[in-house]
Amino acid sequence: MAAASLGCRSQENRPIPEPGPNEVLLRMHSVGICGSDVHYWQHGRIGDFVVKDPMVLGHEASGTVVKVGSGVTHLKPGDRVAIEPGVPREMDEFCKTGRYNLSPTIFFCATPPDDGNLCRYYKHHASYCYKLPDNVTFEEGALIEPLSVGIHACKRAGVTLGSKVFVSGSGPIGLVNVIIAKMMGAAAVVVSDLSASRLQKAKEVGADFTIQVKKETPQEVAAKVESVLGCMPEITVECTGVQACIQAGIYATRSGGTLVLVGLGPEMVTVPIVNAAVREVDVRGIFRYCNTWPVAISLLESKRINVKPLVTHRFPLEKALEAFETTKRGEGVKVMLKCDPTDQNP
């Protein structure tokens, strides 16, 4: 029996995999397209991660269990699940301290050389498949992956009751940071972007203020942030990776505050690090996420957050190329691929 899968260059048929003792076989339902998928498709690499062999894309995903391995007890065929794409391969010091995302040998969907899950059938470690409540859709399940970036970033940033937050960039990751910052008690969130339509979406998901950047210097952007908030934000979440935006992030953040770098750009960037140092602005990085799926599922089940407006386009798996072209052009927000020909519902 063959199962279609989408790689970096083409669609092909592969055998349906057999789950190991601690794995489950899933019939995939919804897979979101991430900027990283498009980047691998276009450039074949992101930093040190280089595509050397054909690789299946996709890591924002949900599906239905069709078969369970002999050692799996918490899932059964028919269960709807969200997939956490990062699975540690060994119990190293990072796993022991609960920061398994930093394990250097971690398996991660659609990061070379590991295949992703943009296919009809896919097997995954059962412990990293989380049962979805009946009132949470497959698409919401797939959106837990980008949502997790927001949860991890806002936790690392220390967002709390009354925080004033500046989110730089209003793409999907900027938007989930807006949603989570507000959920965690931020009193005011301001978002910047070049695109008016993306800023409108930020307003829809809860941003209090927006700044459309045109030709301002980083210092001018920082001054605008202070002007609309009425003060400098304690927290900046930088989601673009663009050098000028990182610079603006440092200038904008209140002394003693925190700048979290979420967006990834070139390896070397020039930033006013002395400005940050003398004002005790903490600059923190994040790498993906850890321990976020249960939190996200609780938020979605309780309807405390609404991520449905993020999905703007849907394509069947057969039209994957069209879906990738749509994402590449920057249209809409989140493009969702529907992998089950018998069920194209959200």
C-alpha atoms as a PDB file:
ATOM      1  CA  MET A   1       0.000   0.000   0.000  1.00  0.00           C
ATOM      2  CA  ALA A   2       1.438   3.387  -0.938  1.00  0.00           C
ATOM      3  CA  ALA A   3       1.075   6.755   0.749  1.00  0.00           C
ATOM      4  CA  ALA A   4       1.664  10.037  -1.056  1.00  0.00           C
ATOM      5  CA  SER A   5       4.167  12.438   0.506  1.00  0.00           C
ATOM      6  CA  LEU A   6       5.393  15.892  -0.413  1.00  0.00           C
ATOM      7  CA  GLY A   7       9.130  16.514  -0.481  1.00  0.00           C
ATOM      8  CA  CYS A   8      11.223  19.569  -1.221  1.00  0.00           C
ATOM      9  CA  ARG A   9      10.839  19.196  -4.970  1.00  0.00           C
ATOM     10  CA  SER A  10       8.039  16.798  -5.857  1.00  0.00           C
ATOM     11  CA  GLN A  11       5.192  14.558  -4.805  1.00  0.00           C
ATOM     12  CA  GLU A  12       5.844  10.826  -4.665  1.00  0.00           C
ATOM     13  CA  ASN A  13       4.403   7.558  -3.405  1.00  0.00           C
ATOM     14  CA  ARG A  14       6.054   5.752  -0.528  1.00  0.00           C
ATOM     15  CA  PRO A  15       5.023   2.612   1.396  1.00  0.00           C
ATOM     16  CA  ILE A  16       2.774   3.124   4.442  1.00  0.00           C
ATOM     17  CA  PRO A  17       5.167   2.894   7.422  1.00  0.00           C
ATOM     18  CA  GLU A  18       4.839   0.278  10.174  1.00  0.00           C
ATOM     19  CA  PRO A  19       4.831   1.752  13.705  1.00  0.00           C
ATOM     20  CA  GLY A  20       7.509   0.533  16.154  1.00  0.00           C
ATOM     21  CA  PRO A  21       6.624  -0.577  19.719  1.00  0.00           C
ATOM     22  CA  ASN A  22       6.415   3.013  21.051  1.00  0.00           C
ATOM     23  CA  GLU A  23       5.033   4.610  17.886  1.00  0.00           C
ATOM     24  CA  VAL A  24       1.640   5.235  16.332  1.00  0.00           C
ATOM     25  CA  LEU A  25       0.660   5.273  12.672  1.00  0.00           C
ATOM     26  CA  LEU A  26      -1.393   8.349  11.817  1.00  0.00           C
ATOM     27  CA  ARG A  27      -3.684   9.201   8.929  1.00  0.00           C
ATOM     28  CA  MET A  28      -2.706  12.822   8.459  1.00  0.00           C
ATOM     29  CA  HIS A  29      -5.455  15.440   8.328  1.00  0.00           C
ATOM     30  CA  SER A  30      -4.175  19.031   8.465  1.00  0.00           C
ATOM     31  CA  VAL A  31      -0.626  20.319   7.986  1.00  0.00           C
ATOM     32  CA  GLY A  32       0.240  24.026   8.112  1.00  0.00           C
ATOM     33  CA  ILE A  33       2.958  25.468   5.895  1.00  0.00           C
ATOM     34  CA  CYS A  34       5.725  27.250   7.802  1.00  0.00           C
ATOM     35  CA  GLY A  35       8.200  29.787   6.464  1.00  0.00           C
ATOM     36  CA  SER A  36      10.951  27.230   7.170  1.00  0.00           C
ATOM     37  CA  ASP A  37       9.263  24.711   4.830  1.00  0.00           C
ATOM     38  CA  VAL A  38       9.295  27.312   2.058  1.00  0.00           C
ATOM     39  CA  HIS A  39      12.919  28.184   2.839  1.00  0.00           C
ATOM     40  CA  TYR A  40      14.069  24.543   2.565  1.00  0.00           C
ATOM     41  CA  TRP A  41      12.067  24.211  -0.665  1.00  0.00           C
ATOM     42  CA  GLN A  42      13.671  27.331  -2.163  1.00  0.00           C
ATOM     43  CA  HIS A  43      17.186  27.254  -0.732  1.00  0.00           C
ATOM     44  CA  GLY A  44      17.839  23.714   0.512  1.00  0.00           C
ATOM     45  CA  ARG A  45      19.237  24.873   3.824  1.00  0.00           C
ATOM     46  CA  ILE A  46      18.642  26.941   6.962  1.00  0.00           C
ATOM     47  CA  GLY A  47      21.914  27.787   8.698  1.00  0.00           C
ATOM     48  CA  ASP A  48      23.746  24.540   9.474  1.00  0.00           C
ATOM     49  CA  PHE A  49      20.739  22.376   8.524  1.00  0.00           C
ATOM     50  CA  VAL A  50      21.393  21.367   4.906  1.00  0.00           C
ATOM     51  CA  VAL A  51      19.121  19.182   2.743  1.00  0.00           C
ATOM     52  CA  LYS A  52      21.409  16.512   1.243  1.00  0.00           C
ATOM     53  CA  ASP A  53      18.813  13.860   0.367  1.00  0.00           C
ATOM     54  CA  PRO A  54      15.130  14.040  -0.611  1.00  0.00           C
ATOM     55  CA  MET A  55      13.156  15.175   2.451  1.00  0.00           C
ATOM     56  CA  VAL A  56       9.435  15.257   3.238  1.00  0.00           C
ATOM     57  CA  LEU A  57       8.330  18.704   4.449  1.00  0.00           C
ATOM     58  CA  GLY A  58       5.729  19.618   7.096  1.00  0.00           C
ATOM     59  CA  HIS A  59       5.858  19.906  10.895  1.00  0.00           C
ATOM     60  CA  GLU A  60       2.659  21.757  11.944  1.00  0.00           C
ATOM     61  CA  ALA A  61       0.326  18.801  11.973  1.00  0.00           C
ATOM     62  CA  SER A  62      -2.571  16.765  13.270  1.00  0.00           C
ATOM     63  CA  GLY A  63      -4.143  13.447  12.317  1.00  0.00           C
ATOM     64  CA  THR A  64      -5.996  10.326  13.415  1.00  0.00           C
ATOM     65  CA  VAL A  65      -4.415   7.250  14.979  1.00  0.00           C
ATOM     66  CA  VAL A  66      -4.933   4.195  12.746  1.00  0.00           C
ATOM     67  CA  LYS A  67      -2.521   1.747  14.398  1.00  0.00           C
ATOM     68  CA  VAL A  68      -0.600   1.648  17.682  1.00  0.00           C
ATOM     69  CA  GLY A  69       2.681  -0.058  18.581  1.00  0.00           C
ATOM     70  CA  SER A  70       2.735  -2.889  21.142  1.00  0.00           C
ATOM     71  CA  GLY A  71       3.997  -0.628  23.944  1.00  0.00           C
ATOM     72  CA  VAL A  72       1.481   2.212  23.475  1.00  0.00           C
ATOM     73  CA  THR A  73      -1.234   2.413  26.144  1.00  0.00           C
ATOM     74  CA  HIS A  74      -2.511   6.026  26.142  1.00  0.00           C
ATOM     75  CA  LEU A  75      -3.732   6.128  22.524  1.00  0.00           C
ATOM     76  CA  LYS A  76      -5.994   3.911  20.422  1.00  0.00           C
ATOM     77  CA  PRO A  77      -7.125   3.795  16.780  1.00  0.00           C
ATOM     78  CA  GLY A  78      -9.610   6.580  16.102  1.00  0.00           C
ATOM     79  CA  ASP A  79      -8.022   9.077  18.500  1.00  0.00           C
ATOM     80  CA  ARG A  80      -7.472  12.530  16.997  1.00  0.00           C
ATOM     81  CA  VAL A  81      -4.041  13.895  17.903  1.00  0.00           C
ATOM     82  CA  ALA A  82      -1.765  16.906  17.572  1.00  0.00           C
ATOM     83  CA  ILE A  83       1.860  16.099  16.810  1.00  0.00           C
ATOM     84  CA  GLU A  84       4.831  17.633  18.611  1.00  0.00           C
ATOM     85  CA  PRO A  85       7.501  17.408  15.887  1.00  0.00           C
ATOM     86  CA  GLY A  86      10.573  17.367  18.142  1.00  0.00           C
ATOM     87  CA  VAL A  87      11.348  13.989  19.746  1.00  0.00           C
ATOM     88  CA  PRO A  88      14.531  13.498  21.801  1.00  0.00           C
ATOM     89  CA  ARG A  89      16.583  10.487  20.729  1.00  0.00           C
ATOM     90  CA  GLU A  90      18.412  10.083  24.055  1.00  0.00           C
ATOM     91  CA  MET A  91      18.046  11.010  27.722  1.00  0.00           C
ATOM     92  CA  ASP A  92      20.867  13.590  27.846  1.00  0.00           C
ATOM     93  CA  GLU A  93      21.420  16.426  30.351  1.00  0.00           C
ATOM     94  CA  PHE A  94      19.001  18.697  28.474  1.00  0.00           C
ATOM     95  CA  CYS A  95      16.199  16.152  28.708  1.00  0.00           C
ATOM     96  CA  LYS A  96      16.940  15.562  32.395  1.00  0.00           C
ATOM     97  CA  THR A  97      16.448  19.269  33.125  1.00  0.00           C
ATOM     98  CA  GLY A  98      13.252  19.490  31.042  1.00  0.00           C
ATOM     99  CA  ARG A  99      14.821  21.455  28.186  1.00  0.00           C
ATOM    100  CA  TYR A 100      14.698  18.649  25.648  1.00  0.00           C
ATOM    101  CA  ASN A 101      14.403  21.119  22.748  1.00  0.00           C
ATOM    102  CA  LEU A 102      18.126  21.832  23.221  1.00  0.00           C
ATOM    103  CA  SER A 103      19.196  18.191  22.863  1.00  0.00           C
ATOM    104  CA  PRO A 104      21.697  18.165  19.969  1.00  0.00           C
ATOM    105  CA  THR A 105      20.513  14.774  18.686  1.00  0.00           C
ATOM    106  CA  ILE A 106      16.764  15.525  18.756  1.00  0.00           C
ATOM    107  CA  PHE A 107      14.606  14.243  15.894  1.00  0.00           C
ATOM    108  CA  PHE A 108      12.600  17.051  14.319  1.00  0.00           C
ATOM    109  CA  CYS A 109      10.096  16.774  11.477  1.00  0.00           C
ATOM    110  CA  ALA A 110      11.284  18.382   8.243  1.00  0.00           C
ATOM    111  CA  THR A 111      14.685  19.399   9.576  1.00  0.00           C
ATOM    112  CA  PRO A 112      17.397  17.599   7.596  1.00  0.00           C
ATOM    113  CA  PRO A 113      17.874  14.672   7.574  1.00  0.00           C
ATOM    114  CA  ASP A 114      14.524  13.940   9.299  1.00  0.00           C
ATOM    115  CA  ASP A 115      11.355  13.611   7.209  1.00  0.00           C
ATOM    116  CA  GLY A 116       8.279  15.693   8.026  1.00  0.00           C
ATOM    117  CA  ASN A 117       4.608  14.723   7.963  1.00  0.00           C
ATOM    118  CA  LEU A 118       3.159  16.337   4.842  1.00  0.00           C
ATOM    119  CA  CYS A 119       1.820  13.001   3.627  1.00  0.00           C
ATOM    120  CA  ARG A 120      -1.177  10.683   3.833  1.00  0.00           C
ATOM    121  CA  TYR A 121       0.249   8.350   6.492  1.00  0.00           C
ATOM    122  CA  TYR A 122       2.989   9.057   9.003  1.00  0.00           C
ATOM    123  CA  LYS A 123       4.424   7.297  12.062  1.00  0.00           C
ATOM    124  CA  HIS A 124       5.543   9.194  15.161  1.00  0.00           C
ATOM    125  CA  HIS A 125       6.626   8.540  18.744  1.00  0.00           C
ATOM    126  CA  ALA A 126       3.399   8.069  20.709  1.00  0.00           C
ATOM    127  CA  SER A 127       4.557  10.185  23.681  1.00  0.00           C
ATOM    128  CA  TYR A 128       4.730  13.206  21.364  1.00  0.00           C
ATOM    129  CA  CYS A 129       1.203  12.712  20.013  1.00  0.00           C
ATOM    130  CA  TYR A 130      -1.386  14.502  22.173  1.00  0.00           C
ATOM    131  CA  LYS A 131      -5.044  13.546  22.158  1.00  0.00           C
ATOM    132  CA  LEU A 132      -7.301  16.386  21.009  1.00  0.00           C
ATOM    133  CA  PRO A 133     -10.510  17.117  22.939  1.00  0.00           C
ATOM    134  CA  ASP A 134     -13.733  16.787  20.921  1.00  0.00           C
ATOM    135  CA  ASN A 135     -14.211  20.566  20.766  1.00  0.00           C
ATOM    136  CA  VAL A 136     -10.749  21.224  19.277  1.00  0.00           C
ATOM    137  CA  THR A 137     -10.518  20.909  15.481  1.00  0.00           C
ATOM    138  CA  PHE A 138      -7.721  19.267  13.498  1.00  0.00           C
ATOM    139  CA  GLU A 139      -6.627  22.699  12.230  1.00  0.00           C
ATOM    140  CA  GLU A 140      -6.429  24.045  15.774  1.00  0.00           C
ATOM    141  CA  GLY A 141      -4.379  20.944  16.584  1.00  0.00           C
ATOM    142  CA  ALA A 142      -1.967  21.734  13.742  1.00  0.00           C
ATOM    143  CA  LEU A 143      -1.740  25.370  14.914  1.00  0.00           C
ATOM    144  CA  ILE A 144      -0.459  24.223  18.321  1.00  0.00           C
ATOM    145  CA  GLU A 145       3.009  24.083  16.748  1.00  0.00           C
ATOM    146  CA  PRO A 146       3.296  27.810  15.909  1.00  0.00           C
ATOM    147  CA  LEU A 147       1.298  28.597  19.059  1.00  0.00           C
ATOM    148  CA  SER A 148       3.987  26.765  21.027  1.00  0.00           C
ATOM    149  CA  VAL A 149       6.621  29.182  19.739  1.00  0.00           C
ATOM    150  CA  GLY A 150       4.534  32.007  21.249  1.00  0.00           C
ATOM    151  CA  ILE A 151       4.094  30.186  24.568  1.00  0.00           C
ATOM    152  CA  HIS A 152       7.820  29.428  24.832  1.00  0.00           C
ATOM    153  CA  ALA A 153       8.846  32.961  23.784  1.00  0.00           C
ATOM    154  CA  CYS A 154       6.449  34.711  26.180  1.00  0.00           C
ATOM    155  CA  LYS A 155       7.545  32.445  29.043  1.00  0.00           C
ATOM    156  CA  ARG A 156      11.217  33.169  28.301  1.00  0.00           C
ATOM    157  CA  ALA A 157      10.333  36.877  28.123  1.00  0.00           C
ATOM    158  CA  GLY A 158       8.607  36.799  31.512  1.00  0.00           C
ATOM    159  CA  VAL A 159       5.281  38.219  30.295  1.00  0.00           C
ATOM    160  CA  THR A 160       2.997  38.687  33.303  1.00  0.00           C
ATOM    161  CA  LEU A 161       0.070  40.723  34.659  1.00  0.00           C
ATOM    162  CA  GLY A 162       0.266  44.288  33.415  1.00  0.00           C
ATOM    163  CA  SER A 163       3.241  43.805  31.071  1.00  0.00           C
ATOM    164  CA  LYS A 164       3.738  46.263  28.230  1.00  0.00           C
ATOM    165  CA  VAL A 165       4.925  44.297  25.204  1.00  0.00           C
ATOM    166  CA  PHE A 166       6.325  45.214  21.790  1.00  0.00           C
ATOM    167  CA  VAL A 167       6.000  42.479  19.141  1.00  0.00           C
ATOM    168  CA  SER A 168       8.166  43.112  16.089  1.00  0.00           C
ATOM    169  CA  GLY A 169       6.697  41.434  12.995  1.00  0.00           C
ATOM    170  CA  SER A 170       3.086  40.472  12.325  1.00  0.00           C
ATOM    171  CA  GLY A 171       3.465  37.196  10.459  1.00  0.00           C
ATOM    172  CA  PRO A 172       2.074  33.953  11.942  1.00  0.00           C
ATOM    173  CA  ILE A 173       4.702  33.872  14.722  1.00  0.00           C
ATOM    174  CA  GLY A 174       4.209  37.539  15.620  1.00  0.00           C
ATOM    175  CA  LEU A 175       0.446  36.927  15.779  1.00  0.00           C
ATOM    176  CA  VAL A 176       0.696  33.909  18.112  1.00  0.00           C
ATOM    177  CA  ASN A 177       2.931  35.992  20.380  1.00  0.00           C
ATOM    178  CA  VAL A 178       0.231  38.679  20.482  1.00  0.00           C
ATOM    179  CA  ILE A 179      -2.394  36.060  21.387  1.00  0.00           C
ATOM    180  CA  ILE A 180      -0.259  34.478  24.117  1.00  0.00           C
ATOM    181  CA  ALA A 181       1.057  37.768  25.561  1.00  0.00           C
ATOM    182  CA  LYS A 182      -2.521  38.982  26.010  1.00  0.00           C
ATOM    183  CA  MET A 183      -3.523  35.628  27.503  1.00  0.00           C
ATOM    184  CA  MET A 184      -0.642  35.830  30.007  1.00  0.00           C
ATOM    185  CA  GLY A 185      -1.837  39.194  31.257  1.00  0.00           C
ATOM    186  CA  ALA A 186      -0.115  41.809  29.100  1.00  0.00           C
ATOM    187  CA  ALA A 187      -1.881  45.137  29.616  1.00  0.00           C
ATOM    188  CA  ALA A 188      -0.832  46.538  26.239  1.00  0.00           C
ATOM    189  CA  VAL A 189       0.690  44.985  23.125  1.00  0.00           C
ATOM    190  CA  VAL A 190       2.015  47.013  20.201  1.00  0.00           C
ATOM    191  CA  VAL A 191       2.910  45.313  16.902  1.00  0.00           C
ATOM    192  CA  SER A 192       5.050  46.604  14.037  1.00  0.00           C
ATOM    193  CA  ASP A 193       5.191  45.421  10.432  1.00  0.00           C
ATOM    194  CA  LEU A 194       5.601  46.702   6.883  1.00  0.00           C
ATOM    195  CA  SER A 195       2.230  45.284   5.804  1.00  0.00           C
ATOM    196  CA  ALA A 196      -1.040  47.056   6.621  1.00  0.00           C
ATOM    197  CA  SER A 197      -3.067  43.863   6.039  1.00  0.00           C
ATOM    198  CA  ARG A 198      -0.924  41.905   8.492  1.00  0.00           C
ATOM    199  CA  LEU A 199      -1.288  44.667  11.081  1.00  0.00           C
ATOM    200  CA  GLN A 200      -5.050  44.516  10.604  1.00  0.00           C
ATOM    201  CA  LYS A 201      -4.870  40.790  11.434  1.00  0.00           C
ATOM    202  CA  ALA A 202      -2.847  41.681  14.560  1.00  0.00           C
ATOM    203  CA  LYS A 203      -5.696  43.968  15.650  1.00  0.00           C
ATOM    204  CA  GLU A 204      -8.173  41.122  15.044  1.00  0.00           C
ATOM    205  CA  VAL A 205      -6.259  38.774  17.356  1.00  0.00           C
ATOM    206  CA  GLY A 206      -5.888  41.309  20.174  1.00  0.00           C
ATOM    207  CA  ALA A 207      -3.111  43.836  19.509  1.00  0.00           C
ATOM    208  CA  ASP A 208      -3.838  47.164  21.222  1.00  0.00           C
ATOM    209  CA  PHE A 209      -1.681  49.280  18.909  1.00  0.00           C
ATOM    210  CA  THR A 210      -0.019  48.838  15.521  1.00  0.00           C
ATOM    211  CA  ILE A 211       2.840  50.645  13.810  1.00  0.00           C
ATOM    212  CA  GLN A 212       3.288  50.423  10.053  1.00  0.00           C
ATOM    213  CA  VAL A 213       7.008  50.799   9.425  1.00  0.00           C
ATOM    214  CA  LYS A 214       7.999  52.584   6.245  1.00  0.00           C
ATOM    215  CA  LYS A 215      11.461  54.172   6.126  1.00  0.00           C
ATOM    216  CA  GLU A 216      12.039  54.933   9.804  1.00  0.00           C
ATOM    217  CA  THR A 217      15.408  54.310  11.433  1.00  0.00           C
ATOM    218  CA  PRO A 218      15.521  51.763  14.284  1.00  0.00           C
ATOM    219  CA  GLN A 219      15.664  54.645  16.782  1.00  0.00           C
ATOM    220  CA  GLU A 220      12.598  56.240  15.185  1.00  0.00           C
ATOM    221  CA  VAL A 221      10.690  52.948  15.386  1.00  0.00           C
ATOM    222  CA  ALA A 222      11.647  52.703  19.079  1.00  0.00           C
ATOM    223  CA  ALA A 223      10.405  56.265  19.655  1.00  0.00           C
ATOM    224  CA  LYS A 224       7.076  55.405  17.978  1.00  0.00           C
ATOM    225  CA  VAL A 225       6.687  52.351  20.226  1.00  0.00           C
ATOM    226  CA  GLU A 226       7.211  54.520  23.318  1.00  0.00           C
ATOM    227  CA  SER A 227       4.828  57.135  21.951  1.00  0.00           C
ATOM    228  CA  VAL A 228       1.887  54.762  21.345  1.00  0.00           C
ATOM    229  CA  LEU A 229       2.376  52.822  24.593  1.00  0.00           C
ATOM    230  CA  GLY A 230       2.976  55.926  26.685  1.00  0.00           C
ATOM    231  CA  CYS A 231       6.145  54.294  28.028  1.00  0.00           C
ATOM    232  CA  MET A 232       8.914  51.979  26.891  1.00  0.00           C
ATOM    233  CA  PRO A 233       7.874  48.292  26.945  1.00  0.00           C
ATOM    234  CA  GLU A 234       9.467  45.982  29.525  1.00  0.00           C
ATOM    235  CA  ILE A 235       9.398  43.225  26.933  1.00  0.00           C
ATOM    236  CA  THR A 236      10.143  43.055  23.220  1.00  0.00           C
ATOM    237  CA  VAL A 237       9.528  39.910  21.183  1.00  0.00           C
ATOM    238  CA  GLU A 238      11.426  40.144  17.886  1.00  0.00           C
ATOM    239  CA  CYS A 239       9.881  37.846  15.252  1.00  0.00           C
ATOM    240  CA  THR A 240      11.532  38.919  11.988  1.00  0.00           C
ATOM    241  CA  GLY A 241      15.263  38.226  12.295  1.00  0.00           C
ATOM    242  CA  VAL A 242      15.929  41.422  10.307  1.00  0.00           C
ATOM    243  CA  GLN A 243      18.968  43.372  11.524  1.00  0.00           C
ATOM    244  CA  ALA A 244      17.199  46.756  11.678  1.00  0.00           C
ATOM    245  CA  CYS A 245      14.343  45.174  13.660  1.00  0.00           C
ATOM    246  CA  ILE A 246      16.718  43.641  16.210  1.00  0.00           C
ATOM    247  CA  GLN A 247      18.341  47.068  16.554  1.00  0.00           C
ATOM    248  CA  ALA A 248      14.921  48.674  17.064  1.00  0.00           C
ATOM    249  CA  GLY A 249      14.139  45.965  19.623  1.00  0.00           C
ATOM    250  CA  ILE A 250      17.132  46.919  21.747  1.00  0.00           C
ATOM    251  CA  TYR A 251      16.452  50.657  21.511  1.00  0.00           C
ATOM    252  CA  ALA A 252      12.755  50.172  22.278  1.00  0.00           C
ATOM    253  CA  THR A 253      13.078  47.988  25.383  1.00  0.00           C
ATOM    254  CA  ARG A 254      12.910  49.671  28.767  1.00  0.00           C
ATOM    255  CA  SER A 255      16.077  49.601  30.900  1.00  0.00           C
ATOM    256  CA  GLY A 256      16.063  46.406  32.938  1.00  0.00           C
ATOM    257  CA  GLY A 257      13.704  44.779  30.449  1.00  0.00           C
ATOM    258  CA  THR A 258      13.973  41.745  28.186  1.00  0.00           C
ATOM    259  CA  LEU A 259      14.353  41.302  24.446  1.00  0.00           C
ATOM    260  CA  VAL A 260      13.559  37.812  23.121  1.00  0.00           C
ATOM    261  CA  LEU A 261      14.889  36.923  19.684  1.00  0.00           C
ATOM    262  CA  VAL A 262      12.454  34.597  17.903  1.00  0.00           C
ATOM    263  CA  GLY A 263      12.986  35.378  14.209  1.00  0.00           C
ATOM    264  CA  LEU A 264      16.042  33.897  12.516  1.00  0.00           C
ATOM    265  CA  GLY A 265      18.028  35.915   9.989  1.00  0.00           C
ATOM    266  CA  PRO A 266      21.688  35.909   8.939  1.00  0.00           C
ATOM    267  CA  GLU A 267      24.235  34.343  11.288  1.00  0.00           C
ATOM    268  CA  MET A 268      26.034  37.641  11.883  1.00  0.00           C
ATOM    269  CA  VAL A 269      24.150  40.864  12.652  1.00  0.00           C
ATOM    270  CA  THR A 270      25.352  44.256  13.852  1.00  0.00           C
ATOM    271  CA  VAL A 271      23.463  45.388  16.953  1.00  0.00           C
ATOM    272  CA  PRO A 272      23.903  48.129  19.597  1.00  0.00           C
ATOM    273  CA  ILE A 273      24.925  45.599  22.239  1.00  0.00           C
ATOM    274  CA  VAL A 274      26.573  48.226  24.452  1.00  0.00           C
ATOM    275  CA  ASN A 275      23.262  50.123  24.603  1.00  0.00           C
ATOM    276  CA  ALA A 276      21.629  46.915  25.841  1.00  0.00           C
ATOM    277  CA  ALA A 277      24.480  46.177  28.262  1.00  0.00           C
ATOM    278  CA  VAL A 278      24.617  49.557  30.017  1.00  0.00           C
ATOM    279  CA  ARG A 279      20.823  49.608  30.372  1.00  0.00           C
ATOM    280  CA  GLU A 280      20.683  46.003  31.648  1.00  0.00           C
ATOM    281  CA  VAL A 281      18.442  44.869  28.810  1.00  0.00           C
ATOM    282  CA  ASP A 282      18.530  41.057  28.817  1.00  0.00           C
ATOM    283  CA  VAL A 283      18.763  39.566  25.336  1.00  0.00           C
ATOM    284  CA  ARG A 284      17.418  36.013  25.264  1.00  0.00           C
ATOM    285  CA  GLY A 285      17.146  33.467  22.487  1.00  0.00           C
ATOM    286  CA  ILE A 286      14.586  30.736  21.956  1.00  0.00           C
ATOM    287  CA  PHE A 287      14.918  27.477  20.049  1.00  0.00           C
ATOM    288  CA  ARG A 288      11.512  26.098  19.138  1.00  0.00           C
ATOM    289  CA  TYR A 289       9.733  25.106  22.403  1.00  0.00           C
ATOM    290  CA  CYS A 290       9.367  22.451  25.079  1.00  0.00           C
ATOM    291  CA  ASN A 291       6.523  21.300  27.330  1.00  0.00           C
ATOM    292  CA  THR A 292       3.954  23.433  25.495  1.00  0.00           C
ATOM    293  CA  TRP A 293       1.432  21.023  23.931  1.00  0.00           C
ATOM    294  CA  PRO A 294      -0.571  20.275  27.124  1.00  0.00           C
ATOM    295  CA  VAL A 295      -0.783  24.015  27.896  1.00  0.00           C
ATOM    296  CA  ALA A 296      -1.916  24.859  24.368  1.00  0.00           C
ATOM    297  CA  ILE A 297      -4.536  22.098  24.345  1.00  0.00           C
ATOM    298  CA  SER A 298      -5.948  23.357  27.667  1.00  0.00           C
ATOM    299  CA  LEU A 299      -6.187  26.894  26.269  1.00  0.00           C
ATOM    300  CA  LEU A 300      -7.946  25.711  23.112  1.00  0.00           C
ATOM    301  CA  GLU A 301     -10.314  23.342  24.922  1.00  0.00           C
ATOM    302  CA  SER A 302     -11.376  26.053  27.380  1.00  0.00           C
ATOM    303  CA  LYS A 303     -11.810  28.546  24.488  1.00  0.00           C
ATOM    304  CA  ARG A 304      -9.523  30.993  26.291  1.00  0.00           C
ATOM    305  CA  ILE A 305      -7.799  31.679  22.991  1.00  0.00           C
ATOM    306  CA  ASN A 306      -8.982  31.696  19.387  1.00  0.00           C
ATOM    307  CA  VAL A 307      -6.488  30.744  16.677  1.00  0.00           C
ATOM    308  CA  LYS A 308      -9.031  30.029  13.925  1.00  0.00           C
ATOM    309  CA  PRO A 309      -8.615  33.491  12.277  1.00  0.00           C
ATOM    310  CA  LEU A 310      -4.985  32.589  11.508  1.00  0.00           C
ATOM    311  CA  VAL A 311      -6.011  30.095   8.791  1.00  0.00           C
ATOM    312  CA  THR A 312      -6.665  32.061   5.602  1.00  0.00           C
ATOM    313  CA  HIS A 313      -6.085  29.480   2.843  1.00  0.00           C
ATOM    314  CA  ARG A 314      -6.783  25.745   2.447  1.00  0.00           C
ATOM    315  CA  PHE A 315      -5.553  23.375  -0.267  1.00  0.00           C
ATOM    316  CA  PRO A 316      -5.882  19.608  -0.776  1.00  0.00           C
ATOM    317  CA  LEU A 317      -2.541  17.736  -0.665  1.00  0.00           C
ATOM    318  CA  GLU A 318      -2.659  17.318  -4.470  1.00  0.00           C
ATOM    319  CA  LYS A 319      -2.397  21.117  -4.803  1.00  0.00           C
ATOM    320  CA  ALA A 320       0.595  21.372  -2.457  1.00  0.00           C
ATOM    321  CA  LEU A 321       2.714  23.255  -4.988  1.00  0.00           C
ATOM    322  CA  GLU A 322       0.009  25.911  -5.333  1.00  0.00           C
ATOM    323  CA  ALA A 323      -0.161  26.121  -1.524  1.00  0.00           C
ATOM    324  CA  PHE A 324       3.610  26.632  -1.256  1.00  0.00           C
ATOM    325  CA  GLU A 325       3.555  29.300  -3.972  1.00  0.00           C
ATOM    326  CA  THR A 326       0.786  31.099  -2.034  1.00  0.00           C
ATOM    327  CA  THR A 327       2.895  31.065   1.151  1.00  0.00           C
ATOM    328  CA  LYS A 328       6.001  32.176  -0.754  1.00  0.00           C
ATOM    329  CA  ARG A 329       4.123  35.194  -2.120  1.00  0.00           C
ATOM    330  CA  GLY A 330       3.204  36.165   1.443  1.00  0.00           C
ATOM    331  CA  GLU A 331      -0.539  35.932   0.830  1.00  0.00           C
ATOM    332  CA  GLY A 332      -2.837  35.570   3.824  1.00  0.00           C
ATOM    333  CA  VAL A 333      -1.489  34.296   7.126  1.00  0.00           C
ATOM    334  CA  LYS A 334      -1.510  30.521   7.560  1.00  0.00           C
ATOM    335  CA  VAL A 335      -1.921  28.163   4.612  1.00  0.00           C
ATOM    336  CA  MET A 336      -3.292  24.739   5.582  1.00  0.00           C
ATOM    337  CA  LEU A 337      -2.885  21.558   3.545  1.00  0.00           C
ATOM    338  CA  LYS A 338      -5.627  18.928   3.848  1.00  0.00           C
ATOM    339  CA  CYS A 339      -4.142  15.427   3.631  1.00  0.00           C
ATOM    340  CA  ASP A 340      -7.254  13.263   4.048  1.00  0.00           C
ATOM    341  CA  PRO A 341      -9.194  13.124   0.766  1.00  0.00           C
ATOM    342  CA  THR A 342     -12.280  11.840   2.631  1.00  0.00           C
ATOM    343  CA  ASP A 343     -12.335  14.738   5.122  1.00  0.00           C
ATOM    344  CA  GLN A 344     -11.418  18.264   4.037  1.00  0.00           C
ATOM    345  CA  ASN A 345     -13.127  19.949   7.034  1.00  0.00           C
ATOM    346  CA  PRO A 346     -11.196  22.184   9.440  1.00  0.00           C
END
